[in-house]
Amino acid sequence: LLTADASAQHGLMRAGMEGSERQVTVVFIDLRGSTTLGEARMPYDVLFILNQFFDEMSKALAATGGHYSNFTGDGLMAIYGLDSPSPARSAVQALLGAREMLMRLDQVNARLKADLKEPLRIGIGIHYGEAIVGAMGPPRSQIVTAIGDTVNTTARLEGLTKDYNCAIILSEAAAKAARVNLAGHSLHEASVKGRVGTVAFYALNSVPD
């Protein structure tokens, strides 16, 4: 996954990893209601709150083996499985990451209680599948990211947290890879733009054991 002006020497990524198709778990995180943060606040205050949020999300990724990929305005995209010897293990790590994110979000809300009109909320989409992973962008400022159906599907799943009023949308594929017990939880289906067929998922408010 290279830029148009890349040469052969750019074919290898940092740490010797080549751009390739591989099984990974992709996570999208979105901050709910972030547009209302600016109401009656100075820009500095808004940036302070957002920096607190993103700092804690980054720490959650670092603690659970996740790779920060892209900043998406009100949230971020992360990839699990870049360094895992077992691709399916990445789904377990992603669930642990989601649990860590929710825990750290509670800490942010407690810390900033006096500054927040209402607690910060997030939506998390998690999906496991094949994606093209590699370094993308200008040669001097490339980022390791992923593209493909798995990424597009994950973004769609994260958006569904609004429709289902839940914190986490976990695809059936990721649930099976992680071997989590979701007995008692309903399996839903939704269409994905540009994708033939539907994706099956679970709507959760906490990470199952």
C-alpha atoms as a PDB file:
ATOM      1  CA  LEU A   1       0.000   0.000   0.000  1.00  0.00           C
ATOM      2  CA  LEU A   2       2.154   2.812  -1.317  1.00  0.00           C
ATOM      3  CA  THR A   3       1.887   6.306  -2.717  1.00  0.00           C
ATOM      4  CA  ALA A   4       1.922   6.952  -6.452  1.00  0.00           C
ATOM      5  CA  ASP A   5       5.453   8.359  -6.372  1.00  0.00           C
ATOM      6  CA  ALA A   6       6.885   5.565  -4.228  1.00  0.00           C
ATOM      7  CA  SER A   7       9.936   3.663  -5.409  1.00  0.00           C
ATOM      8  CA  ALA A   8      10.984   0.071  -4.820  1.00  0.00           C
ATOM      9  CA  GLN A   9      12.824   1.042  -1.654  1.00  0.00           C
ATOM     10  CA  HIS A  10       9.512   2.088  -0.110  1.00  0.00           C
ATOM     11  CA  GLY A  11       8.143  -1.442  -0.450  1.00  0.00           C
ATOM     12  CA  LEU A  12       9.285  -2.356   3.036  1.00  0.00           C
ATOM     13  CA  MET A  13       7.670  -0.808   6.075  1.00  0.00           C
ATOM     14  CA  ARG A  14       9.290   0.084   9.352  1.00  0.00           C
ATOM     15  CA  ALA A  15      10.225  -2.957  11.460  1.00  0.00           C
ATOM     16  CA  GLY A  16      10.557  -4.973   8.253  1.00  0.00           C
ATOM     17  CA  MET A  17       6.815  -5.577   7.819  1.00  0.00           C
ATOM     18  CA  GLU A  18       5.618  -5.660   4.199  1.00  0.00           C
ATOM     19  CA  GLY A  19       2.311  -4.296   2.977  1.00  0.00           C
ATOM     20  CA  SER A  20       0.043  -7.315   2.533  1.00  0.00           C
ATOM     21  CA  GLU A  21      -3.388  -8.841   2.979  1.00  0.00           C
ATOM     22  CA  ARG A  22      -3.741 -10.210   6.483  1.00  0.00           C
ATOM     23  CA  GLN A  23      -6.284 -11.121   9.144  1.00  0.00           C
ATOM     24  CA  VAL A  24      -6.681  -8.302  11.665  1.00  0.00           C
ATOM     25  CA  THR A  25      -9.246  -6.836  14.011  1.00  0.00           C
ATOM     26  CA  VAL A  26     -10.229  -3.269  13.229  1.00  0.00           C
ATOM     27  CA  VAL A  27     -11.728  -0.911  15.815  1.00  0.00           C
ATOM     28  CA  PHE A  28     -13.457   2.413  15.273  1.00  0.00           C
ATOM     29  CA  ILE A  29     -14.085   4.711  18.246  1.00  0.00           C
ATOM     30  CA  ASP A  30     -16.296   7.787  18.051  1.00  0.00           C
ATOM     31  CA  LEU A  31     -16.964  10.429  20.684  1.00  0.00           C
ATOM     32  CA  ARG A  32     -20.684  11.080  20.996  1.00  0.00           C
ATOM     33  CA  GLY A  33     -21.999  14.647  21.107  1.00  0.00           C
ATOM     34  CA  SER A  34     -18.597  16.232  20.610  1.00  0.00           C
ATOM     35  CA  THR A  35     -20.132  19.136  18.655  1.00  0.00           C
ATOM     36  CA  THR A  36     -21.883  20.334  21.811  1.00  0.00           C
ATOM     37  CA  LEU A  37     -18.619  20.591  23.736  1.00  0.00           C
ATOM     38  CA  GLY A  38     -17.991  24.040  22.306  1.00  0.00           C
ATOM     39  CA  GLU A  39     -21.187  25.501  23.720  1.00  0.00           C
ATOM     40  CA  ALA A  40     -20.339  28.272  26.195  1.00  0.00           C
ATOM     41  CA  ARG A  41     -16.677  27.186  26.248  1.00  0.00           C
ATOM     42  CA  MET A  42     -13.472  28.741  25.086  1.00  0.00           C
ATOM     43  CA  PRO A  43     -11.591  26.829  22.348  1.00  0.00           C
ATOM     44  CA  TYR A  44      -8.797  26.122  24.811  1.00  0.00           C
ATOM     45  CA  ASP A  45     -11.258  24.366  27.146  1.00  0.00           C
ATOM     46  CA  VAL A  46     -12.618  22.219  24.309  1.00  0.00           C
ATOM     47  CA  LEU A  47      -9.115  21.212  23.252  1.00  0.00           C
ATOM     48  CA  PHE A  48      -8.225  20.387  26.850  1.00  0.00           C
ATOM     49  CA  ILE A  49     -11.198  18.011  27.154  1.00  0.00           C
ATOM     50  CA  LEU A  50     -10.544  16.389  23.777  1.00  0.00           C
ATOM     51  CA  ASN A  51      -6.845  15.949  24.537  1.00  0.00           C
ATOM     52  CA  GLN A  52      -7.746  14.255  27.824  1.00  0.00           C
ATOM     53  CA  PHE A  53     -10.060  11.919  25.931  1.00  0.00           C
ATOM     54  CA  PHE A  54      -7.615  11.015  23.168  1.00  0.00           C
ATOM     55  CA  ASP A  55      -4.759  10.589  25.620  1.00  0.00           C
ATOM     56  CA  GLU A  56      -6.736   7.994  27.576  1.00  0.00           C
ATOM     57  CA  MET A  57      -7.877   6.178  24.420  1.00  0.00           C
ATOM     58  CA  SER A  58      -4.258   6.031  23.217  1.00  0.00           C
ATOM     59  CA  LYS A  59      -3.174   4.596  26.567  1.00  0.00           C
ATOM     60  CA  ALA A  60      -5.920   1.966  26.324  1.00  0.00           C
ATOM     61  CA  LEU A  61      -4.592   0.906  22.910  1.00  0.00           C
ATOM     62  CA  ALA A  62      -0.991   0.800  24.110  1.00  0.00           C
ATOM     63  CA  ALA A  63      -1.969  -1.316  27.123  1.00  0.00           C
ATOM     64  CA  THR A  64      -3.767  -3.939  25.025  1.00  0.00           C
ATOM     65  CA  GLY A  65      -1.602  -4.278  21.925  1.00  0.00           C
ATOM     66  CA  GLY A  66      -3.568  -1.985  19.639  1.00  0.00           C
ATOM     67  CA  HIS A  67      -2.064   0.212  16.938  1.00  0.00           C
ATOM     68  CA  TYR A  68      -3.389   3.750  16.541  1.00  0.00           C
ATOM     69  CA  SER A  69      -3.986   4.198  12.817  1.00  0.00           C
ATOM     70  CA  ASN A  70      -6.061   7.243  11.913  1.00  0.00           C
ATOM     71  CA  PHE A  71      -7.540  10.270  13.617  1.00  0.00           C
ATOM     72  CA  THR A  72     -11.144  10.589  12.407  1.00  0.00           C
ATOM     73  CA  GLY A  73     -12.139  13.985  13.791  1.00  0.00           C
ATOM     74  CA  ASP A  74     -14.367  12.891  16.670  1.00  0.00           C
ATOM     75  CA  GLY A  75     -12.641   9.575  17.118  1.00  0.00           C
ATOM     76  CA  LEU A  76     -10.004   7.211  15.833  1.00  0.00           C
ATOM     77  CA  MET A  77      -9.328   3.988  14.002  1.00  0.00           C
ATOM     78  CA  ALA A  78      -7.145   1.276  15.496  1.00  0.00           C
ATOM     79  CA  ILE A  79      -5.795  -2.052  14.314  1.00  0.00           C
ATOM     80  CA  TYR A  80      -5.140  -5.127  16.429  1.00  0.00           C
ATOM     81  CA  GLY A  81      -3.034  -8.046  15.253  1.00  0.00           C
ATOM     82  CA  LEU A  82      -0.034  -6.373  13.637  1.00  0.00           C
ATOM     83  CA  ASP A  83       2.352  -8.072  16.054  1.00  0.00           C
ATOM     84  CA  SER A  84       0.235 -11.042  17.166  1.00  0.00           C
ATOM     85  CA  PRO A  85       1.440 -14.551  16.199  1.00  0.00           C
ATOM     86  CA  SER A  86      -2.210 -15.686  16.153  1.00  0.00           C
ATOM     87  CA  PRO A  87      -4.597 -13.565  14.054  1.00  0.00           C
ATOM     88  CA  ALA A  88      -7.614 -14.628  16.114  1.00  0.00           C
ATOM     89  CA  ARG A  89      -5.847 -13.377  19.242  1.00  0.00           C
ATOM     90  CA  SER A  90      -6.283  -9.868  17.863  1.00  0.00           C
ATOM     91  CA  ALA A  91     -10.042 -10.111  18.466  1.00  0.00           C
ATOM     92  CA  VAL A  92      -9.439 -10.906  22.133  1.00  0.00           C
ATOM     93  CA  GLN A  93      -7.035  -7.973  22.394  1.00  0.00           C
ATOM     94  CA  ALA A  94      -9.584  -5.662  20.763  1.00  0.00           C
ATOM     95  CA  LEU A  95     -12.234  -6.631  23.312  1.00  0.00           C
ATOM     96  CA  LEU A  96      -9.771  -6.043  26.133  1.00  0.00           C
ATOM     97  CA  GLY A  97      -9.019  -2.698  24.503  1.00  0.00           C
ATOM     98  CA  ALA A  98     -12.713  -1.790  24.419  1.00  0.00           C
ATOM     99  CA  ARG A  99     -13.034  -2.652  28.092  1.00  0.00           C
ATOM    100  CA  GLU A 100      -9.979  -0.520  28.884  1.00  0.00           C
ATOM    101  CA  MET A 101     -11.396   2.394  26.856  1.00  0.00           C
ATOM    102  CA  LEU A 102     -14.713   2.330  28.709  1.00  0.00           C
ATOM    103  CA  MET A 103     -12.929   2.159  32.049  1.00  0.00           C
ATOM    104  CA  ARG A 104     -10.664   5.072  31.160  1.00  0.00           C
ATOM    105  CA  LEU A 105     -13.634   7.060  29.853  1.00  0.00           C
ATOM    106  CA  ASP A 106     -15.285   6.689  33.249  1.00  0.00           C
ATOM    107  CA  GLN A 107     -12.108   8.077  34.813  1.00  0.00           C
ATOM    108  CA  VAL A 108     -12.112  11.053  32.431  1.00  0.00           C
ATOM    109  CA  ASN A 109     -15.759  11.765  33.252  1.00  0.00           C
ATOM    110  CA  ALA A 110     -15.046  11.626  36.972  1.00  0.00           C
ATOM    111  CA  ARG A 111     -12.008  13.879  36.601  1.00  0.00           C
ATOM    112  CA  LEU A 112     -13.828  16.446  34.470  1.00  0.00           C
ATOM    113  CA  LYS A 113     -17.220  16.218  36.119  1.00  0.00           C
ATOM    114  CA  ALA A 114     -17.276  19.926  36.986  1.00  0.00           C
ATOM    115  CA  ASP A 115     -16.399  20.877  33.398  1.00  0.00           C
ATOM    116  CA  LEU A 116     -18.881  18.645  31.573  1.00  0.00           C
ATOM    117  CA  LYS A 117     -22.540  19.382  30.997  1.00  0.00           C
ATOM    118  CA  GLU A 118     -23.061  15.643  30.682  1.00  0.00           C
ATOM    119  CA  PRO A 119     -20.675  12.664  30.734  1.00  0.00           C
ATOM    120  CA  LEU A 120     -18.693  11.870  27.599  1.00  0.00           C
ATOM    121  CA  ARG A 121     -19.938   8.811  25.720  1.00  0.00           C
ATOM    122  CA  ILE A 122     -18.349   6.722  22.996  1.00  0.00           C
ATOM    123  CA  GLY A 123     -19.399   4.237  20.356  1.00  0.00           C
ATOM    124  CA  ILE A 124     -17.055   1.362  19.507  1.00  0.00           C
ATOM    125  CA  GLY A 125     -17.240  -0.836  16.410  1.00  0.00           C
ATOM    126  CA  ILE A 126     -15.201  -4.056  16.287  1.00  0.00           C
ATOM    127  CA  HIS A 127     -14.800  -6.390  13.305  1.00  0.00           C
ATOM    128  CA  TYR A 128     -12.411  -9.203  12.371  1.00  0.00           C
ATOM    129  CA  GLY A 129     -11.414 -10.071   8.832  1.00  0.00           C
ATOM    130  CA  GLU A 130      -8.951  -9.681   6.002  1.00  0.00           C
ATOM    131  CA  ALA A 131      -7.611  -6.220   5.172  1.00  0.00           C
ATOM    132  CA  ILE A 132      -4.791  -4.727   3.152  1.00  0.00           C
ATOM    133  CA  VAL A 133      -2.327  -3.456   5.744  1.00  0.00           C
ATOM    134  CA  GLY A 134       0.634  -1.238   4.945  1.00  0.00           C
ATOM    135  CA  ALA A 135       2.220   2.188   5.066  1.00  0.00           C
ATOM    136  CA  MET A 136       0.214   4.884   3.330  1.00  0.00           C
ATOM    137  CA  GLY A 137       0.736   8.581   2.734  1.00  0.00           C
ATOM    138  CA  PRO A 138       3.647  10.822   1.693  1.00  0.00           C
ATOM    139  CA  PRO A 139       7.006   9.010   2.000  1.00  0.00           C
ATOM    140  CA  ARG A 140       8.161  11.195   4.894  1.00  0.00           C
ATOM    141  CA  SER A 141       4.927  11.036   6.893  1.00  0.00           C
ATOM    142  CA  GLN A 142       3.456   7.629   6.257  1.00  0.00           C
ATOM    143  CA  ILE A 143       1.124   5.891   8.674  1.00  0.00           C
ATOM    144  CA  VAL A 144       0.529   2.179   9.078  1.00  0.00           C
ATOM    145  CA  THR A 145      -3.135   1.662   8.309  1.00  0.00           C
ATOM    146  CA  ALA A 146      -5.579  -0.730   6.660  1.00  0.00           C
ATOM    147  CA  ILE A 147      -8.089  -0.519   3.837  1.00  0.00           C
ATOM    148  CA  GLY A 148     -10.731  -2.826   2.433  1.00  0.00           C
ATOM    149  CA  ASP A 149     -14.108  -4.338   3.203  1.00  0.00           C
ATOM    150  CA  THR A 150     -13.229  -5.123   6.818  1.00  0.00           C
ATOM    151  CA  VAL A 151     -12.414  -1.467   7.501  1.00  0.00           C
ATOM    152  CA  ASN A 152     -15.555  -0.194   5.773  1.00  0.00           C
ATOM    153  CA  THR A 153     -17.678  -2.695   7.671  1.00  0.00           C
ATOM    154  CA  THR A 154     -16.159  -1.687  11.002  1.00  0.00           C
ATOM    155  CA  ALA A 155     -16.957   1.969  10.343  1.00  0.00           C
ATOM    156  CA  ARG A 156     -20.552   0.986   9.597  1.00  0.00           C
ATOM    157  CA  LEU A 157     -20.763  -1.066  12.798  1.00  0.00           C
ATOM    158  CA  GLU A 158     -19.500   1.829  14.895  1.00  0.00           C
ATOM    159  CA  GLY A 159     -22.205   4.043  13.397  1.00  0.00           C
ATOM    160  CA  LEU A 160     -24.835   1.514  14.474  1.00  0.00           C
ATOM    161  CA  THR A 161     -24.057   2.164  18.149  1.00  0.00           C
ATOM    162  CA  LYS A 162     -26.241   5.267  17.747  1.00  0.00           C
ATOM    163  CA  ASP A 163     -29.165   3.294  16.335  1.00  0.00           C
ATOM    164  CA  TYR A 164     -28.945   0.614  19.003  1.00  0.00           C
ATOM    165  CA  ASN A 165     -28.121   3.055  21.827  1.00  0.00           C
ATOM    166  CA  CYS A 166     -25.200   0.939  22.980  1.00  0.00           C
ATOM    167  CA  ALA A 167     -21.493   1.338  23.617  1.00  0.00           C
ATOM    168  CA  ILE A 168     -20.178  -1.538  21.485  1.00  0.00           C
ATOM    169  CA  ILE A 169     -21.167  -3.183  18.220  1.00  0.00           C
ATOM    170  CA  LEU A 170     -19.247  -6.458  17.897  1.00  0.00           C
ATOM    171  CA  SER A 171     -19.393  -8.365  14.639  1.00  0.00           C
ATOM    172  CA  GLU A 172     -20.216 -12.049  14.731  1.00  0.00           C
ATOM    173  CA  ALA A 173     -16.885 -12.721  13.011  1.00  0.00           C
ATOM    174  CA  ALA A 174     -14.962 -10.968  15.794  1.00  0.00           C
ATOM    175  CA  ALA A 175     -17.030 -12.702  18.475  1.00  0.00           C
ATOM    176  CA  LYS A 176     -16.248 -16.108  16.964  1.00  0.00           C
ATOM    177  CA  ALA A 177     -12.548 -15.299  16.609  1.00  0.00           C
ATOM    178  CA  ALA A 178     -12.405 -14.233  20.268  1.00  0.00           C
ATOM    179  CA  ARG A 179     -14.524 -17.228  21.331  1.00  0.00           C
ATOM    180  CA  VAL A 180     -16.646 -15.135  23.666  1.00  0.00           C
ATOM    181  CA  ASN A 181     -19.821 -16.493  25.185  1.00  0.00           C
ATOM    182  CA  LEU A 182     -22.710 -14.293  24.070  1.00  0.00           C
ATOM    183  CA  ALA A 183     -25.557 -16.544  25.109  1.00  0.00           C
ATOM    184  CA  GLY A 184     -28.582 -14.407  25.829  1.00  0.00           C
ATOM    185  CA  HIS A 185     -27.553 -11.650  23.425  1.00  0.00           C
ATOM    186  CA  SER A 186     -29.502 -11.195  20.210  1.00  0.00           C
ATOM    187  CA  LEU A 187     -27.732 -11.471  16.874  1.00  0.00           C
ATOM    188  CA  HIS A 188     -28.647  -8.607  14.538  1.00  0.00           C
ATOM    189  CA  GLU A 189     -27.972  -7.966  10.857  1.00  0.00           C
ATOM    190  CA  ALA A 190     -27.429  -4.796   8.841  1.00  0.00           C
ATOM    191  CA  SER A 191     -26.447  -3.859   5.327  1.00  0.00           C
ATOM    192  CA  VAL A 192     -23.147  -2.165   4.513  1.00  0.00           C
ATOM    193  CA  LYS A 193     -22.839   0.360   1.678  1.00  0.00           C
ATOM    194  CA  GLY A 194     -20.914  -1.100  -1.231  1.00  0.00           C
ATOM    195  CA  ARG A 195     -21.046  -4.612   0.209  1.00  0.00           C
ATOM    196  CA  VAL A 196     -23.084  -7.556  -1.056  1.00  0.00           C
ATOM    197  CA  GLY A 197     -25.092  -9.151   1.722  1.00  0.00           C
ATOM    198  CA  THR A 198     -25.344  -8.159   5.362  1.00  0.00           C
ATOM    199  CA  VAL A 199     -23.097  -8.232   8.404  1.00  0.00           C
ATOM    200  CA  ALA A 200     -24.159  -9.983  11.611  1.00  0.00           C
ATOM    201  CA  PHE A 201     -23.384  -8.367  14.942  1.00  0.00           C
ATOM    202  CA  TYR A 202     -24.126  -8.042  18.644  1.00  0.00           C
ATOM    203  CA  ALA A 203     -25.122  -4.792  20.370  1.00  0.00           C
ATOM    204  CA  LEU A 204     -23.429  -4.565  23.779  1.00  0.00           C
ATOM    205  CA  ASN A 205     -23.026  -2.078  26.608  1.00  0.00           C
ATOM    206  CA  SER A 206     -20.112  -3.880  28.220  1.00  0.00           C
ATOM    207  CA  VAL A 207     -17.425  -6.348  27.221  1.00  0.00           C
ATOM    208  CA  PRO A 208     -18.372  -9.981  27.988  1.00  0.00           C
ATOM    209  CA  ASP A 209     -15.997 -12.132  29.998  1.00  0.00           C
END
